[in-house]
């Protein structure tokens, strides 16, 4: 995973919205899916894309999987943008 994968994952409005939702804290896939009018498989695909890009991490607790932002990758992206400003 690199910046290229992260930026590609961010190109989709649904994934952008998922990331925005996760700024409030970790959420289960079901809670995320309830916000959208799409199948669970489609939500899983978006979550997997974000995970593969390193933008989110998943944490299993019992039978539930929770997703949260991976701030280290987001900070890396922010650092890249700040370098452009110099």
Protein backbone atom coordinates (compact mmCIF):
# COMPACT_ATOMS: atom_id res chain seq x y z
CA UNK A 1 0.00 0.00 0.00
CA UNK A 2 1.22 3.43 -0.88
CA UNK A 3 0.01 6.91 -1.51
CA UNK A 4 -1.18 5.87 -4.98
CA UNK A 5 -3.55 3.27 -3.49
CA UNK A 6 -4.76 5.71 -0.86
CA UNK A 7 -5.57 8.42 -3.39
CA UNK A 8 -7.28 5.90 -5.66
CA UNK A 9 -9.45 4.71 -2.75
CA UNK A 10 -10.39 8.33 -2.03
CA UNK A 11 -11.64 8.85 -5.58
CA UNK A 12 -15.02 7.29 -4.75
CA UNK A 13 -17.66 9.48 -3.06
CA UNK A 14 -19.04 6.56 -1.01
CA UNK A 15 -15.61 5.82 0.43
CA UNK A 16 -15.13 9.51 1.17
CA UNK A 17 -18.39 9.49 3.08
CA UNK A 18 -17.39 6.35 5.00
CA UNK A 19 -14.15 8.03 6.06
CA UNK A 20 -16.07 11.11 7.14
CA UNK A 21 -18.36 8.91 9.25
CA UNK A 22 -15.35 7.27 10.89
CA UNK A 23 -14.01 10.63 12.06
CA UNK A 24 -16.61 10.35 14.83
CA UNK A 25 -15.16 7.03 16.01
CA UNK A 26 -15.11 3.38 15.11
CA UNK A 27 -18.19 1.76 13.64
CA UNK A 28 -19.34 -1.72 12.74
CA UNK A 29 -19.89 -2.67 9.11
CA UNK A 30 -23.62 -2.94 9.85
CA UNK A 31 -23.75 0.58 11.26
CA UNK A 32 -21.89 1.90 8.23
CA UNK A 33 -24.12 -0.04 5.84
CA UNK A 34 -27.30 1.27 7.50
CA UNK A 35 -26.31 4.75 6.36
CA UNK A 36 -26.34 3.78 2.67
CA UNK A 37 -28.91 2.40 0.26
CA UNK A 38 -26.72 -0.42 -1.09
CA UNK A 39 -26.12 -4.09 -0.45
CA UNK A 40 -23.92 -5.40 2.32
CA UNK A 41 -21.62 -6.86 -0.33
CA UNK A 42 -21.14 -3.42 -1.85
CA UNK A 43 -20.35 -1.89 1.55
CA UNK A 44 -17.91 -4.74 2.22
CA UNK A 45 -16.21 -3.99 -1.09
CA UNK A 46 -15.81 -0.31 -0.17
CA UNK A 47 -14.52 -1.19 3.29
CA UNK A 48 -12.07 -3.70 1.83
CA UNK A 49 -10.80 -1.11 -0.65
CA UNK A 50 -10.24 1.38 2.19
CA UNK A 51 -8.53 -1.33 4.25
CA UNK A 52 -6.26 -2.39 1.38
CA UNK A 53 -5.30 1.26 0.87
CA UNK A 54 -4.40 1.48 4.56
CA UNK A 55 -6.96 4.17 5.30
CA UNK A 56 -8.95 2.07 7.77
CA UNK A 57 -8.18 -0.75 10.14
CA UNK A 58 -10.55 -3.46 11.27
CA UNK A 59 -10.81 -4.79 14.80
CA UNK A 60 -12.69 -7.98 15.59
CA UNK A 61 -14.60 -8.11 18.86
CA UNK A 62 -16.56 -11.30 19.21
CA UNK A 63 -18.74 -11.72 16.14
CA UNK A 64 -18.47 -8.07 15.14
CA UNK A 65 -15.85 -6.26 13.09
CA UNK A 66 -15.33 -2.58 13.79
CA UNK A 67 -13.65 -0.15 11.45
CA UNK A 68 -11.64 2.91 12.41
CA UNK A 69 -9.42 5.43 10.67
CA UNK A 70 -5.74 4.62 10.32
CA UNK A 71 -4.40 8.02 11.23
CA UNK A 72 -0.77 7.16 10.40
CA UNK A 73 -1.62 6.81 6.69
CA UNK A 74 -3.81 9.92 6.76
CA UNK A 75 -0.98 11.86 8.41
CA UNK A 76 1.41 10.57 5.74
CA UNK A 77 -0.93 11.89 3.05
CA UNK A 78 -1.23 15.23 4.82
CA UNK A 79 2.56 15.43 5.02
CA UNK A 80 2.79 14.82 1.29
CA UNK A 81 0.40 17.71 0.65
CA UNK A 82 2.35 19.98 2.98
CA UNK A 83 5.54 19.23 1.04
CA UNK A 84 3.87 20.55 -2.09
CA UNK A 85 3.31 23.87 -0.38
CA UNK A 86 7.03 24.39 0.27
